[in-house]
Amino acid sequence: MAQMRGNDREAEAIPPMNTAAPKSDLNQLLHKHFGFREFLDGQRRVIDTIIEGRDSLVIMPTGGGKSLCYQFPALIKDGVTLVISPLIALMKDQVDALLQYVKTKEDRKGFIHHYFGLDSEG
């Protein structure tokens, strides 16, 4: 089934994307644009799902390659890619949890200086 683009009465028909892209083609694009020779575990399955136009809910650990899972399909597909990510909420939760242990302004300053190596001489 062809998709329609634009609001014109005579919108251009877009043929569906070839969802059976050879693995070597995607690996070549991966290497060209991201510098990796192969996908991490689970990435290819997620990317194939997105390329096929199906909705996805992806839960991966830190460092699992989530960003590539939405950046790669956005690179090879036409149109806009909408990604809903809880990253900002996660960062706020982490800061809030940290502040439970670091109560005073002086403690916060000391923690920040220690964490970033600002309390050492040299």
PDB file of N, CA and C in Angstrom:
ATOM      1  N   MET A   1       0.845  -1.170   0.000  1.00  0.00           N
ATOM      2  CA  MET A   1       0.000   0.000   0.000  1.00  0.00           C
ATOM      3  C   MET A   1       0.891   1.233   0.000  1.00  0.00           C
ATOM      4  N   ALA A   2       0.655   2.143  -0.899  1.00  0.00           N
ATOM      5  CA  ALA A   2       1.477   3.345  -0.999  1.00  0.00           C
ATOM      6  C   ALA A   2       1.027   4.380   0.022  1.00  0.00           C
ATOM      7  N   GLN A   3       1.986   5.103   0.551  1.00  0.00           N
ATOM      8  CA  GLN A   3       1.688   6.193   1.476  1.00  0.00           C
ATOM      9  C   GLN A   3       1.478   7.459   0.671  1.00  0.00           C
ATOM     10  N   MET A   4       0.765   8.414   1.239  1.00  0.00           N
ATOM     11  CA  MET A   4       0.551   9.687   0.568  1.00  0.00           C
ATOM     12  C   MET A   4       1.349  10.753   1.292  1.00  0.00           C
ATOM     13  N   ARG A   5       1.954  11.646   0.540  1.00  0.00           N
ATOM     14  CA  ARG A   5       2.766  12.715   1.097  1.00  0.00           C
ATOM     15  C   ARG A   5       2.110  14.049   0.786  1.00  0.00           C
ATOM     16  N   GLY A   6       2.092  14.947   1.758  1.00  0.00           N
ATOM     17  CA  GLY A   6       1.627  16.307   1.516  1.00  0.00           C
ATOM     18  C   GLY A   6       0.133  16.438   1.651  1.00  0.00           C
ATOM     19  N   ASN A   7      -0.325  17.700   1.554  1.00  0.00           N
ATOM     20  CA  ASN A   7      -1.743  17.998   1.704  1.00  0.00           C
ATOM     21  C   ASN A   7      -2.413  18.272   0.371  1.00  0.00           C
ATOM     22  N   ASP A   8      -1.668  18.215  -0.726  1.00  0.00           N
ATOM     23  CA  ASP A   8      -2.228  18.492  -2.044  1.00  0.00           C
ATOM     24  C   ASP A   8      -3.244  17.428  -2.431  1.00  0.00           C
ATOM     25  N   ARG A   9      -4.206  17.833  -3.252  1.00  0.00           N
ATOM     26  CA  ARG A   9      -5.202  16.868  -3.725  1.00  0.00           C
ATOM     27  C   ARG A   9      -4.557  15.765  -4.549  1.00  0.00           C
ATOM     28  N   GLU A  10      -3.507  16.124  -5.249  1.00  0.00           N
ATOM     29  CA  GLU A  10      -2.810  15.148  -6.085  1.00  0.00           C
ATOM     30  C   GLU A  10      -1.488  14.778  -5.426  1.00  0.00           C
ATOM     31  N   ALA A  11      -1.574  14.308  -4.186  1.00  0.00           N
ATOM     32  CA  ALA A  11      -0.358  13.959  -3.440  1.00  0.00           C
ATOM     33  C   ALA A  11       0.397  12.844  -4.155  1.00  0.00           C
ATOM     34  N   GLU A  12       1.686  12.936  -4.070  1.00  0.00           N
ATOM     35  CA  GLU A  12       2.566  11.952  -4.708  1.00  0.00           C
ATOM     36  C   GLU A  12       2.505  10.634  -3.936  1.00  0.00           C
ATOM     37  N   ALA A  13       2.358   9.550  -4.641  1.00  0.00           N
ATOM     38  CA  ALA A  13       2.362   8.227  -4.005  1.00  0.00           C
ATOM     39  C   ALA A  13       3.804   7.808  -3.760  1.00  0.00           C
ATOM     40  N   ILE A  14       4.084   7.384  -2.538  1.00  0.00           N
ATOM     41  CA  ILE A  14       5.419   6.931  -2.173  1.00  0.00           C
ATOM     42  C   ILE A  14       5.382   5.422  -2.052  1.00  0.00           C
ATOM     43  N   PRO A  15       6.219   4.742  -2.802  1.00  0.00           N
ATOM     44  CA  PRO A  15       6.220   3.284  -2.666  1.00  0.00           C
ATOM     45  C   PRO A  15       6.711   2.895  -1.281  1.00  0.00           C
ATOM     46  N   PRO A  16       6.202   1.808  -0.726  1.00  0.00           N
ATOM     47  CA  PRO A  16       6.670   1.390   0.589  1.00  0.00           C
ATOM     48  C   PRO A  16       8.160   1.079   0.554  1.00  0.00           C
ATOM     49  N   MET A  17       8.818   1.337   1.668  1.00  0.00           N
ATOM     50  CA  MET A  17      10.253   1.070   1.765  1.00  0.00           C
ATOM     51  C   MET A  17      10.501  -0.428   1.709  1.00  0.00           C
ATOM     52  N   ASN A  18      11.556  -0.801   1.039  1.00  0.00           N
ATOM     53  CA  ASN A  18      11.936  -2.207   0.976  1.00  0.00           C
ATOM     54  C   ASN A  18      12.356  -2.642   2.376  1.00  0.00           C
ATOM     55  N   THR A  19      11.555  -3.460   3.013  1.00  0.00           N
ATOM     56  CA  THR A  19      11.835  -3.870   4.384  1.00  0.00           C
ATOM     57  C   THR A  19      12.797  -5.045   4.442  1.00  0.00           C
ATOM     58  N   ALA A  20      13.119  -5.598   3.295  1.00  0.00           N
ATOM     59  CA  ALA A  20      14.024  -6.742   3.271  1.00  0.00           C
ATOM     60  C   ALA A  20      15.419  -6.305   2.828  1.00  0.00           C
ATOM     61  N   ALA A  21      15.906  -5.210   3.399  1.00  0.00           N
ATOM     62  CA  ALA A  21      17.244  -4.718   3.052  1.00  0.00           C
ATOM     63  C   ALA A  21      18.272  -5.765   3.462  1.00  0.00           C
ATOM     64  N   PRO A  22      19.173  -6.080   2.553  1.00  0.00           N
ATOM     65  CA  PRO A  22      20.208  -7.058   2.893  1.00  0.00           C
ATOM     66  C   PRO A  22      21.039  -6.592   4.080  1.00  0.00           C
ATOM     67  N   LYS A  23      21.431  -7.544   4.893  1.00  0.00           N
ATOM     68  CA  LYS A  23      22.216  -7.240   6.082  1.00  0.00           C
ATOM     69  C   LYS A  23      23.482  -6.475   5.724  1.00  0.00           C
ATOM     70  N   SER A  24      24.113  -6.837   4.626  1.00  0.00           N
ATOM     71  CA  SER A  24      25.361  -6.176   4.235  1.00  0.00           C
ATOM     72  C   SER A  24      25.141  -4.699   3.924  1.00  0.00           C
ATOM     73  N   ASP A  25      23.975  -4.363   3.310  1.00  0.00           N
ATOM     74  CA  ASP A  25      23.688  -2.957   3.008  1.00  0.00           C
ATOM     75  C   ASP A  25      23.572  -2.137   4.282  1.00  0.00           C
ATOM     76  N   LEU A  26      22.851  -2.654   5.254  1.00  0.00           N
ATOM     77  CA  LEU A  26      22.690  -1.921   6.508  1.00  0.00           C
ATOM     78  C   LEU A  26      24.013  -1.837   7.264  1.00  0.00           C
ATOM     79  N   ASN A  27      24.804  -2.895   7.209  1.00  0.00           N
ATOM     80  CA  ASN A  27      26.112  -2.859   7.865  1.00  0.00           C
ATOM     81  C   ASN A  27      27.032  -1.840   7.204  1.00  0.00           C
ATOM     82  N   GLN A  28      26.950  -1.705   5.872  1.00  0.00           N
ATOM     83  CA  GLN A  28      27.753  -0.697   5.186  1.00  0.00           C
ATOM     84  C   GLN A  28      27.343   0.708   5.618  1.00  0.00           C
ATOM     85  N   LEU A  29      26.034   0.951   5.720  1.00  0.00           N
ATOM     86  CA  LEU A  29      25.556   2.253   6.189  1.00  0.00           C
ATOM     87  C   LEU A  29      25.960   2.499   7.639  1.00  0.00           C
ATOM     88  N   LEU A  30      25.889   1.467   8.442  1.00  0.00           N
ATOM     89  CA  LEU A  30      26.298   1.572   9.845  1.00  0.00           C
ATOM     90  C   LEU A  30      27.762   2.007   9.935  1.00  0.00           C
ATOM     91  N   HIS A  31      28.604   1.368   9.150  1.00  0.00           N
ATOM     92  CA  HIS A  31      30.032   1.698   9.172  1.00  0.00           C
ATOM     93  C   HIS A  31      30.280   3.093   8.612  1.00  0.00           C
ATOM     94  N   LYS A  32      29.604   3.431   7.531  1.00  0.00           N
ATOM     95  CA  LYS A  32      29.801   4.736   6.885  1.00  0.00           C
ATOM     96  C   LYS A  32      29.416   5.892   7.806  1.00  0.00           C
ATOM     97  N   HIS A  33      28.265   5.786   8.455  1.00  0.00           N
ATOM     98  CA  HIS A  33      27.735   6.908   9.230  1.00  0.00           C
ATOM     99  C   HIS A  33      28.109   6.887  10.708  1.00  0.00           C
ATOM    100  N   PHE A  34      28.352   5.701  11.263  1.00  0.00           N
ATOM    101  CA  PHE A  34      28.595   5.607  12.701  1.00  0.00           C
ATOM    102  C   PHE A  34      29.956   4.995  13.044  1.00  0.00           C
ATOM    103  N   GLY A  35      30.627   4.409  12.060  1.00  0.00           N
ATOM    104  CA  GLY A  35      31.951   3.848  12.289  1.00  0.00           C
ATOM    105  C   GLY A  35      31.974   2.463  12.904  1.00  0.00           C
ATOM    106  N   PHE A  36      30.816   1.824  13.050  1.00  0.00           N
ATOM    107  CA  PHE A  36      30.748   0.479  13.619  1.00  0.00           C
ATOM    108  C   PHE A  36      30.642  -0.545  12.499  1.00  0.00           C
ATOM    109  N   ARG A  37      31.227  -1.702  12.702  1.00  0.00           N
ATOM    110  CA  ARG A  37      31.185  -2.755  11.682  1.00  0.00           C
ATOM    111  C   ARG A  37      29.956  -3.660  11.820  1.00  0.00           C
ATOM    112  N   GLU A  38      29.402  -3.747  13.033  1.00  0.00           N
ATOM    113  CA  GLU A  38      28.210  -4.580  13.224  1.00  0.00           C
ATOM    114  C   GLU A  38      27.358  -3.987  14.334  1.00  0.00           C
ATOM    115  N   PHE A  39      26.092  -4.390  14.327  1.00  0.00           N
ATOM    116  CA  PHE A  39      25.147  -3.933  15.331  1.00  0.00           C
ATOM    117  C   PHE A  39      25.377  -4.669  16.648  1.00  0.00           C
ATOM    118  N   LEU A  40      25.046  -4.011  17.751  1.00  0.00           N
ATOM    119  CA  LEU A  40      25.066  -4.678  19.053  1.00  0.00           C
ATOM    120  C   LEU A  40      23.860  -5.605  19.156  1.00  0.00           C
ATOM    121  N   ASP A  41      23.896  -6.507  20.142  1.00  0.00           N
ATOM    122  CA  ASP A  41      22.775  -7.431  20.355  1.00  0.00           C
ATOM    123  C   ASP A  41      21.470  -6.646  20.483  1.00  0.00           C
ATOM    124  N   GLY A  42      20.485  -7.047  19.703  1.00  0.00           N
ATOM    125  CA  GLY A  42      19.160  -6.448  19.787  1.00  0.00           C
ATOM    126  C   GLY A  42      18.945  -5.243  18.891  1.00  0.00           C
ATOM    127  N   GLN A  43      20.004  -4.549  18.501  1.00  0.00           N
ATOM    128  CA  GLN A  43      19.833  -3.344  17.696  1.00  0.00           C
ATOM    129  C   GLN A  43      19.205  -3.637  16.338  1.00  0.00           C
ATOM    130  N   ARG A  44      19.685  -4.643  15.670  1.00  0.00           N
ATOM    131  CA  ARG A  44      19.181  -4.937  14.320  1.00  0.00           C
ATOM    132  C   ARG A  44      17.693  -5.273  14.358  1.00  0.00           C
ATOM    133  N   ARG A  45      17.271  -6.016  15.364  1.00  0.00           N
ATOM    134  CA  ARG A  45      15.845  -6.373  15.481  1.00  0.00           C
ATOM    135  C   ARG A  45      14.992  -5.120  15.667  1.00  0.00           C
ATOM    136  N   VAL A  46      15.452  -4.206  16.521  1.00  0.00           N
ATOM    137  CA  VAL A  46      14.729  -2.958  16.759  1.00  0.00           C
ATOM    138  C   VAL A  46      14.682  -2.125  15.481  1.00  0.00           C
ATOM    139  N   ILE A  47      15.818  -1.998  14.819  1.00  0.00           N
ATOM    140  CA  ILE A  47      15.903  -1.196  13.597  1.00  0.00           C
ATOM    141  C   ILE A  47      15.013  -1.780  12.504  1.00  0.00           C
ATOM    142  N   ASP A  48      15.029  -3.094  12.328  1.00  0.00           N
ATOM    143  CA  ASP A  48      14.162  -3.734  11.334  1.00  0.00           C
ATOM    144  C   ASP A  48      12.692  -3.445  11.628  1.00  0.00           C
ATOM    145  N   THR A  49      12.311  -3.504  12.897  1.00  0.00           N
ATOM    146  CA  THR A  49      10.928  -3.228  13.286  1.00  0.00           C
ATOM    147  C   THR A  49      10.528  -1.807  12.914  1.00  0.00           C
ATOM    148  N   ILE A  50      11.416  -0.857  13.185  1.00  0.00           N
ATOM    149  CA  ILE A  50      11.125   0.541  12.873  1.00  0.00           C
ATOM    150  C   ILE A  50      11.073   0.756  11.361  1.00  0.00           C
ATOM    151  N   ILE A  51      11.999   0.182  10.635  1.00  0.00           N
ATOM    152  CA  ILE A  51      12.021   0.318   9.179  1.00  0.00           C
ATOM    153  C   ILE A  51      10.742  -0.251   8.567  1.00  0.00           C
ATOM    154  N   GLU A  52      10.223  -1.313   9.170  1.00  0.00           N
ATOM    155  CA  GLU A  52       8.982  -1.926   8.684  1.00  0.00           C
ATOM    156  C   GLU A  52       7.758  -1.079   9.004  1.00  0.00           C
ATOM    157  N   GLY A  53       7.949  -0.010   9.765  1.00  0.00           N
ATOM    158  CA  GLY A  53       6.848   0.895  10.066  1.00  0.00           C
ATOM    159  C   GLY A  53       6.012   0.490  11.262  1.00  0.00           C
ATOM    160  N   ARG A  54       6.516  -0.433  12.046  1.00  0.00           N
ATOM    161  CA  ARG A  54       5.775  -0.867  13.230  1.00  0.00           C
ATOM    162  C   ARG A  54       6.195  -0.046  14.439  1.00  0.00           C
ATOM    163  N   ASP A  55       5.273   0.169  15.356  1.00  0.00           N
ATOM    164  CA  ASP A  55       5.586   0.870  16.598  1.00  0.00           C
ATOM    165  C   ASP A  55       6.531   0.022  17.434  1.00  0.00           C
ATOM    166  N   SER A  56       7.329   0.701  18.252  1.00  0.00           N
ATOM    167  CA  SER A  56       8.313  -0.016  19.060  1.00  0.00           C
ATOM    168  C   SER A  56       8.388   0.568  20.456  1.00  0.00           C
ATOM    169  N   LEU A  57       8.542  -0.286  21.416  1.00  0.00           N
ATOM    170  CA  LEU A  57       8.889   0.092  22.782  1.00  0.00           C
ATOM    171  C   LEU A  57      10.173  -0.657  23.071  1.00  0.00           C
ATOM    172  N   VAL A  58      11.244   0.097  23.272  1.00  0.00           N
ATOM    173  CA  VAL A  58      12.559  -0.514  23.437  1.00  0.00           C
ATOM    174  C   VAL A  58      13.104  -0.158  24.815  1.00  0.00           C
ATOM    175  N   ILE A  59      13.469  -1.170  25.562  1.00  0.00           N
ATOM    176  CA  ILE A  59      14.083  -0.969  26.876  1.00  0.00           C
ATOM    177  C   ILE A  59      15.433  -1.666  26.835  1.00  0.00           C
ATOM    178  N   MET A  60      16.480  -0.861  26.951  1.00  0.00           N
ATOM    179  CA  MET A  60      17.840  -1.392  26.904  1.00  0.00           C
ATOM    180  C   MET A  60      18.637  -0.770  28.042  1.00  0.00           C
ATOM    181  N   PRO A  61      19.663  -1.446  28.493  1.00  0.00           N
ATOM    182  CA  PRO A  61      20.486  -0.886  29.575  1.00  0.00           C
ATOM    183  C   PRO A  61      21.343   0.278  29.071  1.00  0.00           C
ATOM    184  N   THR A  62      21.878   1.037  30.006  1.00  0.00           N
ATOM    185  CA  THR A  62      22.818   2.089  29.660  1.00  0.00           C
ATOM    186  C   THR A  62      23.960   1.467  28.859  1.00  0.00           C
ATOM    187  N   GLY A  63      24.285   2.083  27.739  1.00  0.00           N
ATOM    188  CA  GLY A  63      25.349   1.560  26.887  1.00  0.00           C
ATOM    189  C   GLY A  63      24.901   0.469  25.937  1.00  0.00           C
ATOM    190  N   GLY A  64      23.598   0.173  25.921  1.00  0.00           N
ATOM    191  CA  GLY A  64      23.082  -0.901  25.070  1.00  0.00           C
ATOM    192  C   GLY A  64      22.865  -0.512  23.627  1.00  0.00           C
ATOM    193  N   GLY A  65      23.004   0.772  23.309  1.00  0.00           N
ATOM    194  CA  GLY A  65      22.877   1.208  21.923  1.00  0.00           C
ATOM    195  C   GLY A  65      21.512   1.723  21.528  1.00  0.00           C
ATOM    196  N   LYS A  66      20.768   2.274  22.494  1.00  0.00           N
ATOM    197  CA  LYS A  66      19.428   2.784  22.204  1.00  0.00           C
ATOM    198  C   LYS A  66      19.455   3.910  21.173  1.00  0.00           C
ATOM    199  N   SER A  67      20.383   4.832  21.327  1.00  0.00           N
ATOM    200  CA  SER A  67      20.421   5.995  20.438  1.00  0.00           C
ATOM    201  C   SER A  67      20.525   5.577  18.981  1.00  0.00           C
ATOM    202  N   LEU A  68      21.348   4.617  18.693  1.00  0.00           N
ATOM    203  CA  LEU A  68      21.506   4.160  17.323  1.00  0.00           C
ATOM    204  C   LEU A  68      20.211   3.557  16.792  1.00  0.00           C
ATOM    205  N   CYS A  69      19.419   2.975  17.681  1.00  0.00           N
ATOM    206  CA  CYS A  69      18.169   2.333  17.264  1.00  0.00           C
ATOM    207  C   CYS A  69      17.168   3.330  16.695  1.00  0.00           C
ATOM    208  N   TYR A  70      17.220   4.584  17.095  1.00  0.00           N
ATOM    209  CA  TYR A  70      16.334   5.557  16.457  1.00  0.00           C
ATOM    210  C   TYR A  70      17.080   6.457  15.478  1.00  0.00           C
ATOM    211  N   GLN A  71      18.370   6.666  15.669  1.00  0.00           N
ATOM    212  CA  GLN A  71      19.121   7.503  14.740  1.00  0.00           C
ATOM    213  C   GLN A  71      19.280   6.817  13.384  1.00  0.00           C
ATOM    214  N   PHE A  72      19.538   5.526  13.378  1.00  0.00           N
ATOM    215  CA  PHE A  72      19.783   4.799  12.133  1.00  0.00           C
ATOM    216  C   PHE A  72      18.553   4.793  11.229  1.00  0.00           C
ATOM    217  N   PRO A  73      17.372   4.377  11.723  1.00  0.00           N
ATOM    218  CA  PRO A  73      16.191   4.418  10.851  1.00  0.00           C
ATOM    219  C   PRO A  73      15.859   5.846  10.391  1.00  0.00           C
ATOM    220  N   ALA A  74      16.076   6.834  11.245  1.00  0.00           N
ATOM    221  CA  ALA A  74      15.807   8.219  10.855  1.00  0.00           C
ATOM    222  C   ALA A  74      16.716   8.640   9.712  1.00  0.00           C
ATOM    223  N   LEU A  75      17.899   8.112   9.688  1.00  0.00           N
ATOM    224  CA  LEU A  75      18.870   8.424   8.645  1.00  0.00           C
ATOM    225  C   LEU A  75      18.453   7.861   7.293  1.00  0.00           C
ATOM    226  N   ILE A  76      17.877   6.676   7.290  1.00  0.00           N
ATOM    227  CA  ILE A  76      17.595   6.016   6.012  1.00  0.00           C
ATOM    228  C   ILE A  76      16.143   6.151   5.557  1.00  0.00           C
ATOM    229  N   LYS A  77      15.256   6.656   6.420  1.00  0.00           N
ATOM    230  CA  LYS A  77      13.859   6.826   6.029  1.00  0.00           C
ATOM    231  C   LYS A  77      13.577   8.282   5.699  1.00  0.00           C
ATOM    232  N   ASP A  78      12.595   8.507   4.844  1.00  0.00           N
ATOM    233  CA  ASP A  78      12.138   9.861   4.549  1.00  0.00           C
ATOM    234  C   ASP A  78      11.226  10.344   5.663  1.00  0.00           C
ATOM    235  N   GLY A  79      11.109  11.641   5.795  1.00  0.00           N
ATOM    236  CA  GLY A  79      10.157  12.208   6.730  1.00  0.00           C
ATOM    237  C   GLY A  79      10.761  12.508   8.091  1.00  0.00           C
ATOM    238  N   VAL A  80       9.885  12.739   9.031  1.00  0.00           N
ATOM    239  CA  VAL A  80      10.254  13.135  10.381  1.00  0.00           C
ATOM    240  C   VAL A  80      10.262  11.918  11.290  1.00  0.00           C
ATOM    241  N   THR A  81      11.207  11.888  12.200  1.00  0.00           N
ATOM    242  CA  THR A  81      11.250  10.827  13.203  1.00  0.00           C
ATOM    243  C   THR A  81      10.925  11.435  14.552  1.00  0.00           C
ATOM    244  N   LEU A  82       9.954  10.893  15.250  1.00  0.00           N
ATOM    245  CA  LEU A  82       9.574  11.352  16.575  1.00  0.00           C
ATOM    246  C   LEU A  82      10.029  10.309  17.581  1.00  0.00           C
ATOM    247  N   VAL A  83      10.856  10.738  18.524  1.00  0.00           N
ATOM    248  CA  VAL A  83      11.360   9.852  19.564  1.00  0.00           C
ATOM    249  C   VAL A  83      10.923  10.406  20.903  1.00  0.00           C
ATOM    250  N   ILE A  84      10.305   9.588  21.705  1.00  0.00           N
ATOM    251  CA  ILE A  84       9.912   9.984  23.050  1.00  0.00           C
ATOM    252  C   ILE A  84      10.845   9.253  24.004  1.00  0.00           C
ATOM    253  N   SER A  85      11.649  10.027  24.713  1.00  0.00           N
ATOM    254  CA  SER A  85      12.672   9.442  25.572  1.00  0.00           C
ATOM    255  C   SER A  85      12.552  10.009  26.982  1.00  0.00           C
ATOM    256  N   PRO A  86      12.658   9.167  27.982  1.00  0.00           N
ATOM    257  CA  PRO A  86      12.566   9.649  29.366  1.00  0.00           C
ATOM    258  C   PRO A  86      13.904  10.140  29.921  1.00  0.00           C
ATOM    259  N   LEU A  87      14.875  10.446  29.065  1.00  0.00           N
ATOM    260  CA  LEU A  87      16.213  10.766  29.529  1.00  0.00           C
ATOM    261  C   LEU A  87      16.232  11.956  30.489  1.00  0.00           C
ATOM    262  N   ILE A  88      15.559  13.045  30.169  1.00  0.00           N
ATOM    263  CA  ILE A  88      15.572  14.225  31.039  1.00  0.00           C
ATOM    264  C   ILE A  88      14.954  13.881  32.398  1.00  0.00           C
ATOM    265  N   ALA A  89      13.862  13.136  32.395  1.00  0.00           N
ATOM    266  CA  ALA A  89      13.238  12.730  33.657  1.00  0.00           C
ATOM    267  C   ALA A  89      14.186  11.846  34.457  1.00  0.00           C
ATOM    268  N   LEU A  90      14.894  10.955  33.779  1.00  0.00           N
ATOM    269  CA  LEU A  90      15.852  10.086  34.451  1.00  0.00           C
ATOM    270  C   LEU A  90      16.968  10.915  35.080  1.00  0.00           C
ATOM    271  N   MET A  91      17.479  11.892  34.341  1.00  0.00           N
ATOM    272  CA  MET A  91      18.546  12.745  34.871  1.00  0.00           C
ATOM    273  C   MET A  91      18.060  13.502  36.110  1.00  0.00           C
ATOM    274  N   LYS A  92      16.834  14.021  36.060  1.00  0.00           N
ATOM    275  CA  LYS A  92      16.284  14.732  37.214  1.00  0.00           C
ATOM    276  C   LYS A  92      16.144  13.801  38.409  1.00  0.00           C
ATOM    277  N   ASP A  93      15.654  12.587  38.174  1.00  0.00           N
ATOM    278  CA  ASP A  93      15.528  11.611  39.253  1.00  0.00           C
ATOM    279  C   ASP A  93      16.885  11.313  39.888  1.00  0.00           C
ATOM    280  N   GLN A  94      17.932  11.211  39.058  1.00  0.00           N
ATOM    281  CA  GLN A  94      19.268  10.935  39.582  1.00  0.00           C
ATOM    282  C   GLN A  94      19.788  12.095  40.420  1.00  0.00           C
ATOM    283  N   VAL A  95      19.555  13.321  39.963  1.00  0.00           N
ATOM    284  CA  VAL A  95      19.983  14.496  40.726  1.00  0.00           C
ATOM    285  C   VAL A  95      19.201  14.579  42.035  1.00  0.00           C
ATOM    286  N   ASP A  96      17.889  14.357  41.975  1.00  0.00           N
ATOM    287  CA  ASP A  96      17.074  14.386  43.192  1.00  0.00           C
ATOM    288  C   ASP A  96      17.546  13.346  44.212  1.00  0.00           C
ATOM    289  N   ALA A  97      17.872  12.149  43.729  1.00  0.00           N
ATOM    290  CA  ALA A  97      18.363  11.099  44.624  1.00  0.00           C
ATOM    291  C   ALA A  97      19.696  11.497  45.238  1.00  0.00           C
ATOM    292  N   LEU A  98      20.556  12.101  44.454  1.00  0.00           N
ATOM    293  CA  LEU A  98      21.847  12.561  44.962  1.00  0.00           C
ATOM    294  C   LEU A  98      21.649  13.623  46.043  1.00  0.00           C
ATOM    295  N   LEU A  99      20.718  14.530  45.803  1.00  0.00           N
ATOM    296  CA  LEU A  99      20.504  15.628  46.749  1.00  0.00           C
ATOM    297  C   LEU A  99      19.933  15.148  48.084  1.00  0.00           C
ATOM    298  N   GLN A 100      19.372  13.962  48.114  1.00  0.00           N
ATOM    299  CA  GLN A 100      18.917  13.399  49.380  1.00  0.00           C
ATOM    300  C   GLN A 100      20.098  13.122  50.306  1.00  0.00           C
ATOM    301  N   TYR A 101      21.248  12.806  49.714  1.00  0.00           N
ATOM    302  CA  TYR A 101      22.437  12.487  50.492  1.00  0.00           C
ATOM    303  C   TYR A 101      23.339  13.697  50.717  1.00  0.00           C
ATOM    304  N   VAL A 102      23.181  14.693  49.899  1.00  0.00           N
ATOM    305  CA  VAL A 102      24.016  15.892  49.986  1.00  0.00           C
ATOM    306  C   VAL A 102      23.081  17.033  50.368  1.00  0.00           C
ATOM    307  N   LYS A 103      22.980  17.297  51.681  1.00  0.00           N
ATOM    308  CA  LYS A 103      21.941  18.193  52.196  1.00  0.00           C
ATOM    309  C   LYS A 103      22.304  19.676  52.138  1.00  0.00           C
ATOM    310  N   THR A 104      23.516  20.024  52.516  1.00  0.00           N
ATOM    311  CA  THR A 104      23.851  21.441  52.615  1.00  0.00           C
ATOM    312  C   THR A 104      24.548  21.943  51.355  1.00  0.00           C
ATOM    313  N   LYS A 105      24.554  23.255  51.213  1.00  0.00           N
ATOM    314  CA  LYS A 105      25.217  23.873  50.070  1.00  0.00           C
ATOM    315  C   LYS A 105      26.716  23.553  50.073  1.00  0.00           C
ATOM    316  N   GLU A 106      27.315  23.542  51.236  1.00  0.00           N
ATOM    317  CA  GLU A 106      28.752  23.234  51.341  1.00  0.00           C
ATOM    318  C   GLU A 106      29.019  21.779  50.964  1.00  0.00           C
ATOM    319  N   ASP A 107      28.120  20.865  51.386  1.00  0.00           N
ATOM    320  CA  ASP A 107      28.271  19.459  51.001  1.00  0.00           C
ATOM    321  C   ASP A 107      28.180  19.290  49.480  1.00  0.00           C
ATOM    322  N   ARG A 108      27.227  20.022  48.863  1.00  0.00           N
ATOM    323  CA  ARG A 108      27.072  19.955  47.406  1.00  0.00           C
ATOM    324  C   ARG A 108      28.337  20.446  46.717  1.00  0.00           C
ATOM    325  N   LYS A 109      28.843  21.574  47.190  1.00  0.00           N
ATOM    326  CA  LYS A 109      30.061  22.144  46.599  1.00  0.00           C
ATOM    327  C   LYS A 109      31.217  21.155  46.746  1.00  0.00           C
ATOM    328  N   GLY A 110      31.355  20.564  47.929  1.00  0.00           N
ATOM    329  CA  GLY A 110      32.420  19.602  48.163  1.00  0.00           C
ATOM    330  C   GLY A 110      32.282  18.380  47.276  1.00  0.00           C
ATOM    331  N   PHE A 111      31.051  17.893  47.120  1.00  0.00           N
ATOM    332  CA  PHE A 111      30.818  16.724  46.269  1.00  0.00           C
ATOM    333  C   PHE A 111      31.192  17.037  44.821  1.00  0.00           C
ATOM    334  N   ILE A 112      30.715  18.169  44.312  1.00  0.00           N
ATOM    335  CA  ILE A 112      30.992  18.549  42.922  1.00  0.00           C
ATOM    336  C   ILE A 112      32.498  18.696  42.704  1.00  0.00           C
ATOM    337  N   HIS A 113      33.176  19.358  43.640  1.00  0.00           N
ATOM    338  CA  HIS A 113      34.623  19.531  43.507  1.00  0.00           C
ATOM    339  C   HIS A 113      35.336  18.176  43.536  1.00  0.00           C
ATOM    340  N   HIS A 114      34.897  17.291  44.431  1.00  0.00           N
ATOM    341  CA  HIS A 114      35.509  15.967  44.517  1.00  0.00           C
ATOM    342  C   HIS A 114      35.241  15.150  43.251  1.00  0.00           C
ATOM    343  N   TYR A 115      33.992  15.167  42.813  1.00  0.00           N
ATOM    344  CA  TYR A 115      33.593  14.360  41.660  1.00  0.00           C
ATOM    345  C   TYR A 115      34.350  14.766  40.403  1.00  0.00           C
ATOM    346  N   PHE A 116      34.508  16.064  40.198  1.00  0.00           N
ATOM    347  CA  PHE A 116      35.173  16.551  38.999  1.00  0.00           C
ATOM    348  C   PHE A 116      36.682  16.788  39.185  1.00  0.00           C
ATOM    349  N   GLY A 117      37.209  16.340  40.315  1.00  0.00           N
ATOM    350  CA  GLY A 117      38.641  16.452  40.534  1.00  0.00           C
ATOM    351  C   GLY A 117      39.123  17.874  40.792  1.00  0.00           C
ATOM    352  N   LEU A 118      38.219  18.737  41.246  1.00  0.00           N
ATOM    353  CA  LEU A 118      38.593  20.130  41.469  1.00  0.00           C
ATOM    354  C   LEU A 118      39.215  20.358  42.849  1.00  0.00           C
ATOM    355  N   ASP A 119      39.173  19.315  43.697  1.00  0.00           N
ATOM    356  CA  ASP A 119      39.729  19.465  45.042  1.00  0.00           C
ATOM    357  C   ASP A 119      41.179  19.040  45.112  1.00  0.00           C
ATOM    358  N   SER A 120      41.721  18.546  43.989  1.00  0.00           N
ATOM    359  CA  SER A 120      43.131  18.147  44.004  1.00  0.00           C
ATOM    360  C   SER A 120      43.979  19.258  43.426  1.00  0.00           C
ATOM    361  N   GLU A 121      45.175  19.345  43.931  1.00  0.00           N
ATOM    362  CA  GLU A 121      46.076  20.385  43.450  1.00  0.00           C
ATOM    363  C   GLU A 121      46.760  19.903  42.174  1.00  0.00           C
ATOM    364  N   GLY A 122      47.124  20.849  41.331  1.00  0.00           N
ATOM    365  CA  GLY A 122      47.893  20.495  40.151  1.00  0.00           C
ATOM    366  C   GLY A 122      47.154  20.785  38.971  1.00  0.00           C
TER     367      GLY A 122
END
